[in-house]
C-alpha atoms as a PDB file:
ATOM      1  CA  MET A   1     -73.274  54.954  96.132  1.00  0.00           C
ATOM      2  CA  ALA A   2     -71.830  56.014  92.518  1.00  0.00           C
ATOM      3  CA  LEU A   3     -71.503  54.735  89.212  1.00  0.00           C
ATOM      4  CA  LEU A   4     -67.614  53.877  88.921  1.00  0.00           C
ATOM      5  CA  MET A   5     -65.236  53.858  85.979  1.00  0.00           C
ATOM      6  CA  HIS A   6     -62.752  50.697  86.838  1.00  0.00           C
ATOM      7  CA  ASP A   7     -58.826  51.191  85.887  1.00  0.00           C
ATOM      8  CA  PRO A   8     -57.532  47.946  87.408  1.00  0.00           C
ATOM      9  CA  LEU A   9     -54.368  48.466  86.120  1.00  0.00           C
ATOM     10  CA  HIS A  10     -53.327  52.082  87.037  1.00  0.00           C
ATOM     11  CA  LYS A  11     -51.004  51.545  90.346  1.00  0.00           C
ATOM     12  CA  ASN A  12     -53.116  53.829  92.764  1.00  0.00           C
ATOM     13  CA  ILE A  13     -56.381  55.084  91.005  1.00  0.00           C
ATOM     14  CA  LYS A  14     -58.481  51.429  90.400  1.00  0.00           C
ATOM     15  CA  ALA A  15     -61.607  53.951  89.701  1.00  0.00           C
ATOM     16  CA  ARG A  16     -63.416  57.242  88.899  1.00  0.00           C
ATOM     17  CA  VAL A  17     -66.499  58.775  89.813  1.00  0.00           C
ATOM     18  CA  TRP A  18     -68.645  59.251  86.361  1.00  0.00           C
ATOM     19  CA  SER A  19     -72.062  59.157  88.255  1.00  0.00           C
ATOM     20  CA  THR A  20     -73.856  59.554  91.421  1.00  0.00           C
ATOM     21  CA  LYS A  21     -77.610  59.778  89.993  1.00  0.00           C
ATOM     22  CA  PHE A  22     -79.864  57.147  89.728  1.00  0.00           C
ATOM     23  CA  PRO A  23     -81.019  55.177  88.131  1.00  0.00           C
ATOM     24  CA  PHE A  24     -77.102  53.840  87.789  1.00  0.00           C
ATOM     25  CA  ASP A  25     -78.263  51.048  84.795  1.00  0.00           C
ATOM     26  CA  ARG A  26     -79.847  54.422  82.959  1.00  0.00           C
ATOM     27  CA  GLU A  27     -76.324  56.214  83.000  1.00  0.00           C
ATOM     28  CA  ALA A  28     -74.534  53.123  82.353  1.00  0.00           C
ATOM     29  CA  GLN A  29     -76.949  51.803  78.804  1.00  0.00           C
ATOM     30  CA  HIS A  30     -76.610  55.754  78.040  1.00  0.00           C
ATOM     31  CA  PHE A  31     -72.525  55.717  78.852  1.00  0.00           C
ATOM     32  CA  THR A  32     -71.384  56.872  74.904  1.00  0.00           C
ATOM     33  CA  ALA A  33     -74.429  59.789  74.628  1.00  0.00           C
ATOM     34  CA  GLY A  34     -73.103  60.773  78.096  1.00  0.00           C
ATOM     35  CA  ILE A  35     -69.957  61.219  77.311  1.00  0.00           C
ATOM     36  CA  GLN A  36     -70.636  62.952  73.594  1.00  0.00           C
ATOM     37  CA  GLY A  37     -72.605  65.440  75.705  1.00  0.00           C
ATOM     38  CA  ARG A  38     -69.706  66.182  78.731  1.00  0.00           C
ATOM     39  CA  LEU A  39     -67.832  67.044  75.614  1.00  0.00           C
ATOM     40  CA  ASP A  40     -69.835  68.856  73.881  1.00  0.00           C
ATOM     41  CA  LEU A  41     -70.535  71.599  77.074  1.00  0.00           C
ATOM     42  CA  ALA A  42     -66.672  71.337  78.019  1.00  0.00           C
ATOM     43  CA  PHE A  43     -65.948  72.493  73.958  1.00  0.00           C
ATOM     44  CA  GLU A  44     -68.578  74.850  74.193  1.00  0.00           C
ATOM     45  CA  LYS A  45     -67.295  76.278  77.639  1.00  0.00           C
ATOM     46  CA  ARG A  46     -64.146  77.423  75.896  1.00  0.00           C
ATOM     47  CA  VAL A  47     -65.509  78.550  72.614  1.00  0.00           C
ATOM     48  CA  LYS A  48     -66.870  81.384  74.367  1.00  0.00           C
ATOM     49  CA  ASP A  49     -64.227  82.501  76.452  1.00  0.00           C
ATOM     50  CA  ALA A  50     -63.037  85.151  74.630  1.00  0.00           C
ATOM     51  CA  ALA A  51     -59.842  85.810  76.415  1.00  0.00           C
ATOM     52  CA  LEU A  52     -58.343  82.286  75.078  1.00  0.00           C
ATOM     53  CA  LYS A  53     -58.283  83.854  71.685  1.00  0.00           C
ATOM     54  CA  GLN A  54     -54.752  85.577  72.936  1.00  0.00           C
ATOM     55  CA  ARG A  55     -53.125  82.506  72.908  1.00  0.00           C
ATOM     56  CA  ASP A  56     -53.034  79.538  71.225  1.00  0.00           C
ATOM     57  CA  ASN A  57     -52.590  76.648  73.517  1.00  0.00           C
ATOM     58  CA  TYR A  58     -55.428  76.323  76.096  1.00  0.00           C
ATOM     59  CA  TYR A  59     -57.285  73.683  77.321  1.00  0.00           C
ATOM     60  CA  ILE A  60     -60.657  72.467  75.854  1.00  0.00           C
ATOM     61  CA  VAL A  61     -61.001  69.449  78.412  1.00  0.00           C
ATOM     62  CA  PHE A  62     -59.659  69.488  81.953  1.00  0.00           C
ATOM     63  CA  ALA A  63     -60.780  65.909  83.506  1.00  0.00           C
ATOM     64  CA  GLU A  64     -63.028  65.949  86.680  1.00  0.00           C
ATOM     65  CA  ALA A  65     -64.134  70.006  86.658  1.00  0.00           C
ATOM     66  CA  ASP A  66     -65.724  68.993  83.202  1.00  0.00           C
ATOM     67  CA  GLN A  67     -67.138  65.619  84.686  1.00  0.00           C
ATOM     68  CA  LEU A  68     -64.735  63.875  82.428  1.00  0.00           C
ATOM     69  CA  PRO A  69     -63.190  61.979  85.148  1.00  0.00           C
ATOM     70  CA  GLY A  70     -58.890  61.367  84.180  1.00  0.00           C
ATOM     71  CA  LEU A  71     -59.500  63.113  80.419  1.00  0.00           C
ATOM     72  CA  PHE A  72     -57.604  65.956  79.262  1.00  0.00           C
ATOM     73  CA  ILE A  73     -57.768  67.665  75.249  1.00  0.00           C
ATOM     74  CA  LEU A  74     -55.021  70.441  75.123  1.00  0.00           C
ATOM     75  CA  ARG A  75     -55.753  72.418  71.483  1.00  0.00           C
ATOM     76  CA  LEU A  76     -52.118  72.850  69.913  1.00  0.00           C
ATOM     77  CA  LYS A  77     -53.032  75.686  67.487  1.00  0.00           C
ATOM     78  CA  ASP A  78     -53.742  73.516  64.638  1.00  0.00           C
ATOM     79  CA  ARG A  79     -53.225  70.515  67.021  1.00  0.00           C
ATOM     80  CA  VAL A  80     -55.306  68.868  69.233  1.00  0.00           C
ATOM     81  CA  LEU A  81     -53.285  66.545  72.189  1.00  0.00           C
ATOM     82  CA  ILE A  82     -55.253  63.925  74.006  1.00  0.00           C
ATOM     83  CA  GLN A  83     -54.033  62.973  77.174  1.00  0.00           C
ATOM     84  CA  PHE A  84     -55.945  59.701  79.338  1.00  0.00           C
ATOM     85  CA  TYR A  85     -54.923  59.757  82.846  1.00  0.00           C
ATOM     86  CA  THR A  86     -56.505  56.155  83.339  1.00  0.00           C
ATOM     87  CA  GLN A  87     -56.456  53.451  80.531  1.00  0.00           C
ATOM     88  CA  PHE A  88     -60.322  53.366  80.882  1.00  0.00           C
ATOM     89  CA  TRP A  89     -60.813  55.527  77.891  1.00  0.00           C
ATOM     90  CA  ASN A  90     -58.693  53.942  75.259  1.00  0.00           C
ATOM     91  CA  ARG A  91     -61.279  52.278  74.077  1.00  0.00           C
ATOM     92  CA  TYR A  92     -63.408  55.232  73.453  1.00  0.00           C
ATOM     93  CA  LYS A  93     -60.671  56.906  71.387  1.00  0.00           C
ATOM     94  CA  SER A  94     -62.807  56.895  68.281  1.00  0.00           C
ATOM     95  CA  ILE A  95     -65.822  58.746  70.513  1.00  0.00           C
ATOM     96  CA  ILE A  96     -63.700  61.087  71.583  1.00  0.00           C
ATOM     97  CA  GLN A  97     -62.383  61.503  68.500  1.00  0.00           C
ATOM     98  CA  THR A  98     -65.736  61.886  66.122  1.00  0.00           C
ATOM     99  CA  THR A  99     -67.147  64.457  68.821  1.00  0.00           C
ATOM    100  CA  LEU A 100     -64.032  66.660  68.767  1.00  0.00           C
ATOM    101  CA  GLN A 101     -63.822  66.986  64.716  1.00  0.00           C
ATOM    102  CA  GLU A 102     -67.725  67.676  65.074  1.00  0.00           C
ATOM    103  CA  VAL A 103     -67.153  70.395  66.928  1.00  0.00           C
ATOM    104  CA  PHE A 104     -64.114  71.544  65.540  1.00  0.00           C
ATOM    105  CA  PRO A 105     -63.985  70.315  61.836  1.00  0.00           C
ATOM    106  CA  GLU A 106     -60.650  72.257  61.481  1.00  0.00           C
ATOM    107  CA  ILE A 107     -58.962  69.328  63.169  1.00  0.00           C
ATOM    108  CA  LYS A 108     -57.661  66.870  60.617  1.00  0.00           C
ATOM    109  CA  ASP A 109     -56.652  63.782  61.280  1.00  0.00           C
ATOM    110  CA  GLU A 110     -53.587  63.349  61.644  1.00  0.00           C
ATOM    111  CA  ASN A 111     -52.848  66.403  63.724  1.00  0.00           C
ATOM    112  CA  ILE A 112     -54.677  64.628  66.342  1.00  0.00           C
ATOM    113  CA  TRP A 113     -52.164  63.185  69.776  1.00  0.00           C
ATOM    114  CA  PHE A 114     -52.823  60.288  72.158  1.00  0.00           C
ATOM    115  CA  GLN A 115     -50.994  60.054  75.452  1.00  0.00           C
ATOM    116  CA  LEU A 116     -51.420  58.505  78.223  1.00  0.00           C
ATOM    117  CA  ARG A 117     -49.865  59.736  80.916  1.00  0.00           C
ATOM    118  CA  GLY A 118     -49.814  59.146  85.051  1.00  0.00           C
ATOM    119  CA  GLU A 119     -47.678  59.412  88.016  1.00  0.00           C
ATOM    120  CA  THR A 120     -46.196  55.682  87.896  1.00  0.00           C
ATOM    121  CA  ARG A 121     -43.646  55.125  85.595  1.00  0.00           C
ATOM    122  CA  GLU A 122     -45.391  52.529  83.341  1.00  0.00           C
ATOM    123  CA  LEU A 123     -48.143  55.724  82.528  1.00  0.00           C
ATOM    124  CA  GLN A 124     -45.202  57.890  81.397  1.00  0.00           C
ATOM    125  CA  LYS A 125     -46.009  57.479  77.897  1.00  0.00           C
ATOM    126  CA  LEU A 126     -44.520  59.673  74.549  1.00  0.00           C
ATOM    127  CA  PRO A 127     -47.906  61.406  72.595  1.00  0.00           C
ATOM    128  CA  THR A 128     -48.158  59.085  69.452  1.00  0.00           C
ATOM    129  CA  ASN A 129     -50.071  60.684  66.061  1.00  0.00           C
ATOM    130  CA  SER A 130     -53.751  58.831  65.506  1.00  0.00           C
ATOM    131  CA  THR A 131     -52.669  57.755  61.788  1.00  0.00           C
ATOM    132  CA  GLU A 132     -48.915  57.623  62.422  1.00  0.00           C
ATOM    133  CA  PRO A 133     -47.482  56.409  65.309  1.00  0.00           C
ATOM    134  CA  GLU A 134     -44.258  56.734  64.597  1.00  0.00           C
ATOM    135  CA  ARG A 135     -44.303  60.506  63.475  1.00  0.00           C
ATOM    136  CA  ARG A 136     -42.268  63.274  65.055  1.00  0.00           C
ATOM    137  CA  ASP A 137     -43.339  67.201  64.653  1.00  0.00           C
ATOM    138  CA  GLU A 138     -42.225  70.332  65.166  1.00  0.00           C
ATOM    139  CA  PHE A 139     -44.015  73.389  64.942  1.00  0.00           C
ATOM    140  CA  HIS A 140     -45.144  76.610  66.509  1.00  0.00           C
ATOM    141  CA  LEU A 141     -47.635  78.369  68.613  1.00  0.00           C
ATOM    142  CA  GLN A 142     -48.159  81.727  69.715  1.00  0.00           C
ATOM    143  CA  GLU A 143     -48.952  82.592  73.505  1.00  0.00           C
ATOM    144  CA  PHE A 144     -49.906  86.233  74.325  1.00  0.00           C
ATOM    145  CA  GLY A 145     -47.948  87.388  70.792  1.00  0.00           C
ATOM    146  CA  LEU A 146     -45.153  85.500  71.676  1.00  0.00           C
ATOM    147  CA  GLN A 147     -43.754  82.036  69.346  1.00  0.00           C
ATOM    148  CA  TYR A 148     -43.079  78.824  71.198  1.00  0.00           C
ATOM    149  CA  LEU A 149     -41.678  75.853  69.669  1.00  0.00           C
ATOM    150  CA  ILE A 150     -43.512  72.694  70.262  1.00  0.00           C
ATOM    151  CA  ARG A 151     -42.578  69.190  69.599  1.00  0.00           C
ATOM    152  CA  LEU A 152     -44.444  66.103  69.826  1.00  0.00           C
ATOM    153  CA  GLY A 153     -43.732  62.546  69.789  1.00  0.00           C
ATOM    154  CA  SER A 154     -40.386  63.269  70.853  1.00  0.00           C
ATOM    155  CA  SER A 155     -40.510  63.731  74.127  1.00  0.00           C
ATOM    156  CA  TYR A 156     -42.517  63.492  77.125  1.00  0.00           C
ATOM    157  CA  ASP A 157     -43.402  67.065  78.022  1.00  0.00           C
ATOM    158  CA  HIS A 158     -44.205  69.021  74.394  1.00  0.00           C
ATOM    159  CA  GLY A 159     -42.171  72.783  75.368  1.00  0.00           C
ATOM    160  CA  ILE A 160     -44.790  74.588  77.207  1.00  0.00           C
ATOM    161  CA  TYR A 161     -46.585  74.145  80.683  1.00  0.00           C
ATOM    162  CA  THR A 162     -50.136  75.555  79.233  1.00  0.00           C
ATOM    163  CA  ASP A 163     -51.668  75.191  82.609  1.00  0.00           C
ATOM    164  CA  MET A 164     -49.617  78.354  83.560  1.00  0.00           C
ATOM    165  CA  SER A 165     -50.738  80.155  80.784  1.00  0.00           C
ATOM    166  CA  SER A 166     -53.584  82.032  82.753  1.00  0.00           C
ATOM    167  CA  ILE A 167     -50.973  82.435  85.812  1.00  0.00           C
ATOM    168  CA  ARG A 168     -48.336  83.839  83.118  1.00  0.00           C
ATOM    169  CA  HIS A 169     -50.870  86.662  82.139  1.00  0.00           C
ATOM    170  CA  ILE A 170     -51.957  87.317  86.040  1.00  0.00           C
ATOM    171  CA  LEU A 171     -48.649  88.244  87.053  1.00  0.00           C
ATOM    172  CA  ALA A 172     -48.165  90.911  84.167  1.00  0.00           C
ATOM    173  CA  PRO A 173     -48.557  93.862  86.236  1.00  0.00           C
ATOM    174  CA  GLN A 174     -46.145  92.789  89.010  1.00  0.00           C
ATOM    175  CA  ILE A 175     -43.214  92.553  86.619  1.00  0.00           C
ATOM    176  CA  LYS A 176     -42.303  96.035  86.131  1.00  0.00           C
ATOM    177  CA  THR A 177     -40.767  97.785  83.174  1.00  0.00           C
ATOM    178  CA  ASN A 178     -36.628  97.714  83.861  1.00  0.00           C
ATOM    179  CA  ALA A 179     -37.013  94.833  86.271  1.00  0.00           C
ATOM    180  CA  SER A 180     -34.452  92.669  86.745  1.00  0.00           C
ATOM    181  CA  VAL A 181     -35.556  88.974  86.465  1.00  0.00           C
ATOM    182  CA  LEU A 182     -34.287  85.563  87.825  1.00  0.00           C
ATOM    183  CA  ASN A 183     -36.189  82.664  86.825  1.00  0.00           C
ATOM    184  CA  LEU A 184     -35.377  79.254  88.133  1.00  0.00           C
ATOM    185  CA  TYR A 185     -36.118  76.218  86.790  1.00  0.00           C
ATOM    186  CA  SER A 186     -36.674  77.782  83.190  1.00  0.00           C
ATOM    187  CA  TYR A 187     -37.805  74.980  81.503  1.00  0.00           C
ATOM    188  CA  THR A 188     -38.174  76.300  77.729  1.00  0.00           C
ATOM    189  CA  GLY A 189     -38.529  80.003  78.710  1.00  0.00           C
ATOM    190  CA  ALA A 190     -41.865  80.849  78.703  1.00  0.00           C
ATOM    191  CA  PHE A 191     -42.227  82.834  81.726  1.00  0.00           C
ATOM    192  CA  SER A 192     -38.116  84.542  80.419  1.00  0.00           C
ATOM    193  CA  LEU A 193     -39.675  85.663  77.288  1.00  0.00           C
ATOM    194  CA  TRP A 194     -43.460  87.019  79.063  1.00  0.00           C
ATOM    195  CA  ALA A 195     -40.524  89.181  81.098  1.00  0.00           C
ATOM    196  CA  LEU A 196     -38.825  90.649  78.976  1.00  0.00           C
ATOM    197  CA  LYS A 197     -41.941  91.235  76.455  1.00  0.00           C
ATOM    198  CA  LEU A 198     -43.398  92.996  79.163  1.00  0.00           C
ATOM    199  CA  GLY A 199     -40.028  95.746  79.653  1.00  0.00           C
ATOM    200  CA  ALA A 200     -37.733  93.334  81.820  1.00  0.00           C
ATOM    201  CA  LYS A 201     -34.055  95.134  81.637  1.00  0.00           C
ATOM    202  CA  ASP A 202     -32.926  91.731  82.068  1.00  0.00           C
ATOM    203  CA  VAL A 203     -33.912  88.410  82.484  1.00  0.00           C
ATOM    204  CA  THR A 204     -31.290  85.285  83.542  1.00  0.00           C
ATOM    205  CA  SER A 205     -33.150  82.014  83.077  1.00  0.00           C
ATOM    206  CA  VAL A 206     -31.311  78.688  85.245  1.00  0.00           C
ATOM    207  CA  ASP A 207     -32.285  75.208  84.329  1.00  0.00           C
ATOM    208  CA  LEU A 208     -30.006  71.909  85.228  1.00  0.00           C
ATOM    209  CA  SER A 209     -30.487  70.429  81.493  1.00  0.00           C
ATOM    210  CA  PRO A 210     -29.199  71.720  78.534  1.00  0.00           C
ATOM    211  CA  LYS A 211     -32.018  70.482  76.250  1.00  0.00           C
ATOM    212  CA  TYR A 212     -34.501  73.116  77.529  1.00  0.00           C
ATOM    213  CA  ILE A 213     -32.080  75.521  77.932  1.00  0.00           C
ATOM    214  CA  GLU A 214     -31.087  75.250  74.154  1.00  0.00           C
ATOM    215  CA  TRP A 215     -35.057  75.315  73.953  1.00  0.00           C
ATOM    216  CA  LEU A 216     -35.441  78.246  75.527  1.00  0.00           C
ATOM    217  CA  GLN A 217     -32.769  79.684  73.054  1.00  0.00           C
ATOM    218  CA  HIS A 218     -34.261  78.918  70.119  1.00  0.00           C
ATOM    219  CA  ASN A 219     -37.852  80.364  71.681  1.00  0.00           C
ATOM    220  CA  LEU A 220     -36.127  83.473  72.177  1.00  0.00           C
ATOM    221  CA  GLY A 221     -34.233  83.716  68.580  1.00  0.00           C
ATOM    222  CA  LEU A 222     -38.403  82.702  67.547  1.00  0.00           C
ATOM    223  CA  ASN A 223     -39.050  86.386  68.618  1.00  0.00           C
ATOM    224  CA  PRO A 224     -36.949  89.254  67.137  1.00  0.00           C
ATOM    225  CA  GLU A 225     -38.701  91.753  68.666  1.00  0.00           C
ATOM    226  CA  LEU A 226     -36.657  90.714  72.234  1.00  0.00           C
ATOM    227  CA  ASN A 227     -33.377  91.379  72.735  1.00  0.00           C
ATOM    228  CA  SER A 228     -31.562  88.638  73.037  1.00  0.00           C
ATOM    229  CA  THR A 229     -28.571  90.523  74.957  1.00  0.00           C
ATOM    230  CA  GLN A 230     -30.761  91.194  77.736  1.00  0.00           C
ATOM    231  CA  HIS A 231     -31.185  87.566  78.096  1.00  0.00           C
ATOM    232  CA  ASP A 232     -28.287  85.329  80.133  1.00  0.00           C
ATOM    233  CA  ALA A 233     -29.096  81.161  80.397  1.00  0.00           C
ATOM    234  CA  LEU A 234     -27.052  79.233  82.670  1.00  0.00           C
ATOM    235  CA  VAL A 235     -26.939  75.389  82.466  1.00  0.00           C
ATOM    236  CA  MET A 236     -26.297  74.279  86.372  1.00  0.00           C
ATOM    237  CA  SER A 237     -28.601  73.592  89.499  1.00  0.00           C
ATOM    238  CA  VAL A 238     -30.643  76.394  90.879  1.00  0.00           C
ATOM    239  CA  ASP A 239     -28.747  76.140  94.400  1.00  0.00           C
ATOM    240  CA  GLU A 240     -25.193  76.436  92.395  1.00  0.00           C
ATOM    241  CA  ALA A 241     -26.932  79.412  90.396  1.00  0.00           C
ATOM    242  CA  LEU A 242     -27.626  81.054  93.597  1.00  0.00           C
ATOM    243  CA  ASP A 243     -24.557  80.855  95.186  1.00  0.00           C
ATOM    244  CA  LYS A 244     -22.593  82.316  92.345  1.00  0.00           C
ATOM    245  CA  PHE A 245     -25.338  85.162  92.706  1.00  0.00           C
ATOM    246  CA  ILE A 246     -24.283  85.869  96.292  1.00  0.00           C
ATOM    247  CA  SER A 247     -21.060  85.573  95.705  1.00  0.00           C
ATOM    248  CA  GLU A 248     -21.321  87.946  92.970  1.00  0.00           C
ATOM    249  CA  GLY A 249     -23.506  90.305  94.448  1.00  0.00           C
ATOM    250  CA  LYS A 250     -26.064  90.381  92.242  1.00  0.00           C
ATOM    251  CA  LYS A 251     -29.811  90.911  93.022  1.00  0.00           C
ATOM    252  CA  PHE A 252     -33.243  90.693  90.948  1.00  0.00           C
ATOM    253  CA  ASP A 253     -36.479  92.525  91.607  1.00  0.00           C
ATOM    254  CA  PHE A 254     -38.067  89.571  90.837  1.00  0.00           C
ATOM    255  CA  ILE A 255     -37.933  85.975  90.786  1.00  0.00           C
ATOM    256  CA  ILE A 256     -40.065  82.506  89.957  1.00  0.00           C
ATOM    257  CA  CYS A 257     -39.426  79.608  91.332  1.00  0.00           C
ATOM    258  CA  ASP A 258     -41.207  76.633  89.649  1.00  0.00           C
ATOM    259  CA  PRO A 259     -39.377  73.354  91.319  1.00  0.00           C
ATOM    260  CA  PRO A 260     -40.375  70.076  90.163  1.00  0.00           C
ATOM    261  CA  SER A 261     -42.317  68.510  92.881  1.00  0.00           C
ATOM    262  CA  SER A 262     -39.500  65.864  93.393  1.00  0.00           C
ATOM    263  CA  SER A 263     -35.810  66.097  92.069  1.00  0.00           C
ATOM    264  CA  SER A 264     -32.718  63.880  92.496  1.00  0.00           C
ATOM    265  CA  ASP A 265     -28.816  64.842  92.438  1.00  0.00           C
ATOM    266  CA  GLY A 266     -28.265  61.390  92.311  1.00  0.00           C
ATOM    267  CA  GLU A 267     -27.681  60.447  95.994  1.00  0.00           C
ATOM    268  CA  LYS A 268     -30.849  61.803  97.403  1.00  0.00           C
ATOM    269  CA  ARG A 269     -34.551  62.894  96.335  1.00  0.00           C
ATOM    270  CA  THR A 270     -35.360  65.915  97.787  1.00  0.00           C
ATOM    271  CA  SER A 271     -39.113  67.146  97.751  1.00  0.00           C
ATOM    272  CA  ALA A 272     -39.829  70.275  96.622  1.00  0.00           C
ATOM    273  CA  ILE A 273     -41.840  71.281  99.703  1.00  0.00           C
ATOM    274  CA  LYS A 274     -39.106  70.256 102.248  1.00  0.00           C
ATOM    275  CA  ALA A 275     -36.442  71.863  99.740  1.00  0.00           C
ATOM    276  CA  TYR A 276     -37.887  75.431 100.045  1.00  0.00           C
ATOM    277  CA  ARG A 277     -36.190  76.758 103.422  1.00  0.00           C
ATOM    278  CA  ASP A 278     -33.057  76.928 101.904  1.00  0.00           C
ATOM    279  CA  LEU A 279     -34.134  78.047  99.016  1.00  0.00           C
ATOM    280  CA  ILE A 280     -36.049  80.938  99.881  1.00  0.00           C
ATOM    281  CA  ALA A 281     -32.839  81.343 102.425  1.00  0.00           C
ATOM    282  CA  LYS A 282     -30.903  81.579  99.031  1.00  0.00           C
ATOM    283  CA  MET A 283     -33.195  83.933  96.984  1.00  0.00           C
ATOM    284  CA  ASP A 284     -33.703  86.432  99.454  1.00  0.00           C
ATOM    285  CA  GLN A 285     -29.742  87.051  99.462  1.00  0.00           C
ATOM    286  CA  VAL A 286     -30.445  88.186  96.312  1.00  0.00           C
ATOM    287  CA  LEU A 287     -33.709  89.708  96.166  1.00  0.00           C
ATOM    288  CA  ASN A 288     -33.770  93.604  96.173  1.00  0.00           C
ATOM    289  CA  PRO A 289     -35.413  95.850  98.800  1.00  0.00           C
ATOM    290  CA  GLN A 290     -39.439  95.527  97.891  1.00  0.00           C
ATOM    291  CA  GLY A 291     -38.550  92.668  95.360  1.00  0.00           C
ATOM    292  CA  ARG A 292     -41.290  89.772  94.719  1.00  0.00           C
ATOM    293  CA  LEU A 293     -40.949  86.480  94.973  1.00  0.00           C
ATOM    294  CA  VAL A 294     -42.902  83.873  93.332  1.00  0.00           C
ATOM    295  CA  LEU A 295     -43.225  80.344  94.279  1.00  0.00           C
ATOM    296  CA  PHE A 296     -44.983  77.496  93.029  1.00  0.00           C
ATOM    297  CA  LEU A 297     -45.388  74.268  93.615  1.00  0.00           C
ATOM    298  CA  ASN A 298     -46.897  71.730  91.293  1.00  0.00           C
ATOM    299  CA  THR A 299     -48.031  68.412  93.823  1.00  0.00           C
ATOM    300  CA  HIS A 300     -51.677  67.393  94.619  1.00  0.00           C
ATOM    301  CA  GLN A 301     -50.282  65.564  97.857  1.00  0.00           C
ATOM    302  CA  VAL A 302     -49.729  69.167  99.309  1.00  0.00           C
ATOM    303  CA  THR A 303     -52.865  71.229 100.074  1.00  0.00           C
ATOM    304  CA  ASN A 304     -52.572  74.901  99.327  1.00  0.00           C
ATOM    305  CA  GLN A 305     -53.298  75.523 103.106  1.00  0.00           C
ATOM    306  CA  LYS A 306     -50.302  72.999 103.759  1.00  0.00           C
ATOM    307  CA  PHE A 307     -48.355  75.053 101.174  1.00  0.00           C
ATOM    308  CA  GLU A 308     -48.936  78.669 102.682  1.00  0.00           C
ATOM    309  CA  LYS A 309     -48.140  77.433 105.682  1.00  0.00           C
ATOM    310  CA  THR A 310     -44.979  75.418 105.277  1.00  0.00           C
ATOM    311  CA  ILE A 311     -43.998  78.764 103.442  1.00  0.00           C
ATOM    312  CA  GLN A 312     -44.813  81.208 106.161  1.00  0.00           C
ATOM    313  CA  ASP A 313     -43.458  78.920 108.804  1.00  0.00           C
ATOM    314  CA  ASN A 314     -39.837  78.600 106.725  1.00  0.00           C
ATOM    315  CA  LEU A 315     -39.929  82.645 106.483  1.00  0.00           C
ATOM    316  CA  LYS A 316     -40.420  83.000 110.580  1.00  0.00           C
ATOM    317  CA  GLU A 317     -37.719  80.030 111.116  1.00  0.00           C
ATOM    318  CA  LEU A 318     -35.722  82.398 109.055  1.00  0.00           C
ATOM    319  CA  ARG A 319     -36.598  85.499 110.130  1.00  0.00           C
ATOM    320  CA  LEU A 320     -37.880  87.227 107.008  1.00  0.00           C
ATOM    321  CA  ASN A 321     -40.199  89.944 106.676  1.00  0.00           C
ATOM    322  CA  TYR A 322     -42.229  89.253 103.704  1.00  0.00           C
ATOM    323  CA  LYS A 323     -46.132  90.344 102.610  1.00  0.00           C
ATOM    324  CA  LEU A 324     -48.017  87.896 101.041  1.00  0.00           C
ATOM    325  CA  GLY A 325     -50.003  89.141  97.746  1.00  0.00           C
ATOM    326  CA  THR A 326     -51.365  87.256  95.134  1.00  0.00           C
ATOM    327  CA  ARG A 327     -52.440  83.695  95.988  1.00  0.00           C
ATOM    328  CA  LEU A 328     -52.022  81.636  92.426  1.00  0.00           C
ATOM    329  CA  SER A 329     -54.058  78.508  91.257  1.00  0.00           C
ATOM    330  CA  LEU A 330     -55.522  76.827  88.314  1.00  0.00           C
ATOM    331  CA  GLY A 331     -58.110  78.732  86.640  1.00  0.00           C
ATOM    332  CA  GLN A 332     -59.512  79.835  83.543  1.00  0.00           C
ATOM    333  CA  ASP A 333     -59.554  76.824  81.009  1.00  0.00           C
ATOM    334  CA  CYS A 334     -58.201  74.403  83.861  1.00  0.00           C
ATOM    335  CA  PRO A 335     -61.192  74.822  86.684  1.00  0.00           C
ATOM    336  CA  THR A 336     -61.037  73.177  89.855  1.00  0.00           C
ATOM    337  CA  LEU A 337     -63.284  71.272  92.059  1.00  0.00           C
ATOM    338  CA  LYS A 338     -64.003  71.452  95.574  1.00  0.00           C
ATOM    339  CA  ASN A 339     -62.916  68.743  97.545  1.00  0.00           C
ATOM    340  CA  PHE A 340     -60.757  67.529  94.775  1.00  0.00           C
ATOM    341  CA  PRO A 341     -57.517  67.571  95.652  1.00  0.00           C
ATOM    342  CA  GLU A 342     -56.187  65.529  92.681  1.00  0.00           C
ATOM    343  CA  GLY A 343     -57.036  68.470  90.289  1.00  0.00           C
ATOM    344  CA  SER A 344     -55.925  71.171  92.400  1.00  0.00           C
ATOM    345  CA  TYR A 345     -52.419  70.046  92.113  1.00  0.00           C
ATOM    346  CA  LEU A 346     -50.988  73.592  91.545  1.00  0.00           C
ATOM    347  CA  LYS A 347     -50.467  76.246  93.316  1.00  0.00           C
ATOM    348  CA  GLY A 348     -48.412  79.285  94.273  1.00  0.00           C
ATOM    349  CA  LEU A 349     -48.085  82.545  96.299  1.00  0.00           C
ATOM    350  CA  LEU A 350     -46.741  85.706  95.812  1.00  0.00           C
ATOM    351  CA  LEU A 351     -44.486  87.068  98.324  1.00  0.00           C
ATOM    352  CA  GLU A 352     -43.169  90.781  98.514  1.00  0.00           C
ATOM    353  CA  LYS A 353     -40.126  91.801 100.576  1.00  0.00           C
ATOM    354  CA  ILE A 354     -40.647  94.309 102.829  1.00  0.00           C
END
């Protein structure tokens, strides 16, 4: 038995577990104090993590892993984005904000943002400022010495995937000086800029969205120490780009592939896990011997084990010889829980071409 947080408005998840400790009436009676206590513990863990001081963006609450189901709180320099994956939290906004500002008094009311997020279309909402609901906010933050443009209130995503930050840091030793790097589904270019900073001789970014490529180019301009002549950006589909590289005989030493969990070309919708066979076949043709592939999957509906098996089966079917290196997953400020797949949505594999 458990004490549940009820959410009748969510299409898929009707309730989340708050506690399995008896007596439940006492847990319910002291619910507000419980929220404050769990928030304090989550904040304390991040404040003590010295590694997080290398970046302005990190999670100070990561939902169920911090015993705060469906609640994410993201630090973005001197702003905070509070995300609800259940409408249950709406009635406790003031308690969350007050507790946050007690621990981080430097966070002003006007720099606190709220967002309702989730898998269904009804839950895809723009971030809203706590004092000015119509406000649009643009600012810069740094991650590992690089500057990025962040936009709050103008789009669903704000410009950088913070849950990938620790993975970028882990992959640093794998991107060798003078490597040629290809970043597929590049978004606003965090991996591309990171590769340039690590000494890549050339980096190519591919994304179907002109808006994201323009955003990437802006980010590149924010970092004058990077040589922009070593970067090439292509606005086209990944399939088209790979076909282009194959026809040109272009080769890379390091390829990053982070597709959306599902995508549509206007005629059919394809899931990333099913698309990987054809993608791997094409990526192999443009990868140098002893080159490295980093493959990501961003959905909790496929387990780490199934993802790895699918990739291994694809390689076997294509008769390609790769050695499995590092398994990549959420960590550091984004901890995961055993037997809670929803919180383990991001997974990755580093493969070396033999």
